[in-house]
Amino acid sequence: MSAGLVKRNRALPHGIKLLGDARDVKVDTPLTIEVAAVSAGAAAAVESAGGRVVRVYHTALGLRAHLLPHKFDNLPRFAAVPPVYVDKGYVHPDDAPSASEQQ
């Protein structure tokens, strides 16, 4: 958000959806991207360059705390991932690759 690539959207309260088609998108650099949802074509484009797409589960409050931590006196803990989302491949924000790189 701070780079201006993504704007806050009330229609998608739980994160970013990565869309694209492997034929239309050229990714040369391996990237690790954390998103709420991803299309098969976009995932294929990122993974063909050696990157990784991780689906991370956030509640509306958890996403707000993640994006705007300066607005909170005490940061709330992230909610547990509901079993139905675990079956769909979502991970907890603390288990995402960026969380392990920061420790």
Protein backbone atom coordinates (compact mmCIF):
# COMPACT_ATOMS: atom_id res chain seq x y z
CA MET A 1 0.00 0.00 0.00
CA SER A 2 2.78 2.46 0.80
CA ALA A 3 4.23 2.04 -2.71
CA GLY A 4 0.89 2.98 -4.22
CA LEU A 5 0.48 -0.29 -6.13
CA VAL A 6 -2.53 -1.34 -4.09
CA LYS A 7 -5.35 0.82 -2.85
CA ARG A 8 -7.70 -0.03 -0.03
CA ASN A 9 -10.86 -1.59 -1.34
CA ARG A 10 -13.88 -2.21 0.83
CA ALA A 11 -15.17 -4.73 -1.72
CA LEU A 12 -12.25 -7.04 -0.92
CA PRO A 13 -11.91 -6.74 2.86
CA HIS A 14 -9.66 -9.74 3.40
CA GLY A 15 -6.69 -8.98 1.18
CA ILE A 16 -5.37 -8.92 -2.36
CA LYS A 17 -6.44 -11.17 -5.22
CA LEU A 18 -3.69 -11.79 -7.79
CA LEU A 19 -5.11 -12.18 -11.28
CA GLY A 20 -3.42 -12.83 -14.58
CA ASP A 21 -2.71 -15.29 -17.31
CA ALA A 22 0.61 -17.05 -17.77
CA ARG A 23 0.53 -16.12 -21.46
CA ASP A 24 0.03 -12.41 -20.79
CA VAL A 25 2.31 -11.98 -17.77
CA LYS A 26 6.09 -12.23 -17.96
CA VAL A 27 7.81 -12.67 -14.60
CA ASP A 28 11.60 -12.96 -14.73
CA THR A 29 12.49 -12.62 -11.05
CA PRO A 30 11.61 -15.24 -8.43
CA LEU A 31 9.06 -13.67 -6.07
CA THR A 32 7.34 -14.81 -2.91
CA ILE A 33 3.89 -13.24 -2.88
CA GLU A 34 1.37 -13.43 -0.03
CA VAL A 35 -2.22 -12.95 -1.22
CA ALA A 36 -5.76 -13.78 -0.17
CA ALA A 37 -6.64 -15.35 -3.52
CA VAL A 38 -4.86 -16.15 -6.76
CA SER A 39 -5.87 -17.28 -10.24
CA ALA A 40 -4.27 -20.40 -11.70
CA GLY A 41 -2.68 -18.40 -14.52
CA ALA A 42 -1.09 -15.87 -12.18
CA ALA A 43 0.22 -18.62 -9.91
CA ALA A 44 1.69 -20.44 -12.93
CA ALA A 45 3.43 -17.25 -14.12
CA VAL A 46 5.04 -16.61 -10.73
CA GLU A 47 6.01 -20.25 -10.18
CA SER A 48 7.49 -20.61 -13.69
CA ALA A 49 10.05 -17.96 -12.73
CA GLY A 50 10.97 -19.94 -9.59
CA GLY A 51 8.75 -17.91 -7.30
CA ARG A 52 6.09 -18.90 -4.82
CA VAL A 53 2.51 -17.78 -4.16
CA VAL A 54 1.20 -18.24 -0.62
CA ARG A 55 -2.49 -17.84 0.27
CA VAL A 56 -2.67 -16.14 3.67
CA TYR A 57 -5.85 -15.93 5.74
CA HIS A 58 -6.67 -12.57 7.37
CA THR A 59 -9.79 -11.33 9.08
CA ALA A 60 -10.70 -7.70 8.36
CA LEU A 61 -9.18 -6.61 11.68
CA GLY A 62 -6.04 -8.71 11.15
CA LEU A 63 -5.49 -7.26 7.69
CA ARG A 64 -5.94 -3.72 9.01
CA ALA A 65 -3.42 -4.39 11.78
CA HIS A 66 -0.99 -5.86 9.23
CA LEU A 67 -1.26 -2.90 6.84
CA LEU A 68 -1.65 -0.06 9.35
CA PRO A 69 0.18 -1.08 12.57
CA HIS A 70 0.75 2.55 13.55
CA LYS A 71 -3.01 2.93 14.13
CA PHE A 72 -2.98 0.41 17.01
CA ASP A 73 -1.71 0.90 20.56
CA ASN A 74 -1.64 -2.89 21.04
CA LEU A 75 -1.58 -5.07 17.95
CA PRO A 76 -4.25 -7.78 18.00
CA ARG A 77 -3.23 -11.38 17.51
CA PHE A 78 -4.05 -12.92 14.17
CA ALA A 79 -7.13 -15.15 14.15
CA ALA A 80 -6.79 -18.87 13.63
CA VAL A 81 -7.44 -20.14 10.12
CA PRO A 82 -10.87 -21.84 9.96
CA PRO A 83 -10.68 -25.52 8.93
CA VAL A 84 -12.55 -24.88 5.68
CA TYR A 85 -9.81 -22.41 4.64
CA VAL A 86 -7.01 -24.76 5.72
CA ASP A 87 -8.45 -27.33 3.31
CA LYS A 88 -8.31 -24.69 0.55
CA GLY A 89 -4.58 -24.09 1.12
CA TYR A 90 -4.57 -20.96 3.28
CA VAL A 91 -1.87 -20.51 5.93
CA HIS A 92 -1.75 -18.49 9.14
CA PRO A 93 0.09 -15.13 8.77
CA ASP A 94 2.69 -16.27 11.34
CA ASP A 95 3.42 -19.35 9.19
CA ALA A 96 3.86 -17.36 5.96
CA PRO A 97 7.37 -17.17 4.48
CA SER A 98 7.84 -13.47 5.30
CA ALA A 99 7.19 -14.17 9.00
CA SER A 100 9.95 -16.79 9.15
CA GLU A 101 12.41 -14.50 7.32
CA GLN A 102 11.89 -11.70 9.86
CA GLN A 103 12.77 -13.84 12.88
